[in-house]
Protein backbone atom coordinates (compact mmCIF):
# COMPACT_ATOMS: atom_id res chain seq x y z
CA MET A 1 -0.04 0.03 0.04
CA THR A 2 1.46 3.41 -0.98
CA PRO A 3 1.59 6.19 1.49
CA ASP A 4 -0.99 8.08 -0.54
CA VAL A 5 -3.53 5.31 -0.33
CA PHE A 6 -2.76 4.88 3.50
CA LEU A 7 -3.33 8.61 4.14
CA MET A 8 -6.55 8.75 2.13
CA LEU A 9 -7.84 5.72 4.10
CA ALA A 10 -6.68 7.26 7.39
CA VAL A 11 -8.48 10.45 6.77
CA THR A 12 -11.59 8.62 5.81
CA VAL A 13 -11.53 6.45 8.86
CA GLY A 14 -11.11 9.61 11.00
CA VAL A 15 -14.02 11.40 9.47
CA ALA A 16 -16.13 8.29 9.58
CA ALA A 17 -15.29 7.81 13.34
CA PHE A 18 -16.26 11.40 14.09
CA ILE A 19 -19.54 10.84 12.28
CA GLN A 20 -20.14 7.58 14.08
CA GLY A 21 -19.30 9.08 17.50
CA THR A 22 -21.64 12.09 17.05
CA VAL A 23 -24.62 10.69 15.13
CA GLY A 24 -24.38 7.04 16.19
CA MET A 25 -24.11 5.56 12.78
CA GLY A 26 -22.20 5.97 9.58
CA PHE A 27 -18.72 4.46 10.05
CA ALA A 28 -19.24 1.57 7.57
CA LEU A 29 -21.44 3.72 5.31
CA VAL A 30 -18.46 6.09 4.88
CA VAL A 31 -15.55 3.72 5.01
CA ALA A 32 -16.79 0.80 3.00
CA PRO A 33 -17.33 2.58 -0.24
CA VAL A 34 -14.11 4.55 -0.09
CA CYS A 35 -12.13 1.48 0.80
CA GLY A 36 -13.87 -0.55 -1.90
CA LEU A 37 -12.82 2.02 -4.52
CA ILE A 38 -9.23 2.53 -3.24
CA ALA A 39 -8.16 -0.86 -1.88
CA PRO A 40 -10.96 -3.49 -2.25
CA GLY A 41 -8.71 -6.26 -0.99
CA LEU A 42 -8.95 -4.82 2.49
CA LEU A 43 -12.74 -5.39 2.77
CA PRO A 44 -14.44 -6.62 4.90
CA VAL A 45 -11.77 -7.59 7.44
CA ALA A 46 -10.18 -4.22 7.78
CA LEU A 47 -13.53 -2.58 8.33
CA LEU A 48 -14.55 -4.98 11.00
CA ILE A 49 -11.15 -4.52 12.77
CA LEU A 50 -11.24 -0.72 12.54
CA MET A 51 -14.75 -0.67 14.09
CA LEU A 52 -13.66 -2.55 17.23
CA PRO A 53 -11.91 0.35 19.07
CA LEU A 54 -14.52 2.77 18.11
CA ASN A 55 -17.37 0.44 19.40
CA ILE A 56 -15.45 -0.07 22.72
CA PHE A 57 -14.96 3.55 23.21
CA VAL A 58 -18.59 4.43 22.52
CA THR A 59 -19.68 1.53 24.76
CA TRP A 60 -17.59 2.89 27.53
CA ARG A 61 -18.76 6.44 27.09
CA GLU A 62 -22.38 5.38 27.11
CA ARG A 63 -21.99 2.69 29.80
CA GLY A 64 -24.61 4.34 32.02
CA HIS A 65 -27.31 4.04 29.42
CA LEU A 66 -26.61 0.42 28.36
CA ASP A 67 -29.55 -2.01 28.32
CA MET A 68 -27.65 -5.03 29.70
CA SER A 69 -30.66 -7.32 29.33
CA GLY A 70 -31.08 -6.57 25.68
CA ALA A 71 -27.33 -6.55 25.09
CA GLY A 72 -27.28 -10.07 26.58
CA TRP A 73 -29.88 -11.27 24.27
CA ILE A 74 -28.27 -9.77 21.15
CA THR A 75 -24.96 -11.25 22.08
CA LEU A 76 -26.56 -14.68 22.57
CA GLY A 77 -28.29 -14.40 19.19
CA ARG A 78 -25.12 -13.24 17.46
CA THR A 79 -23.02 -16.01 19.03
CA VAL A 80 -25.48 -18.73 18.12
CA GLY A 81 -25.90 -17.37 14.58
CA ALA A 82 -22.14 -17.08 14.08
CA LEU A 83 -21.70 -20.68 15.12
CA LEU A 84 -24.50 -21.88 12.83
CA GLY A 85 -23.03 -19.82 10.00
CA ILE A 86 -19.64 -21.46 10.46
């Protein structure tokens, strides 16, 4: 990957993280198309890895407002679905 491509993706990720952090959605909507045009070989793994720190930060920031019961059910469903998908 050339430095120009890396810089363009880094700026895109920064802008997308800002949008996700303020609005609550948009990271993948911004990063995926740009990454798909510039470096399609990075999708979807890079997108999923880049989302982890952002989601951890937002979860920590909003920890007082989390619905732990709902999050538990969602986690159970995602785990079962992932195992069935494999």
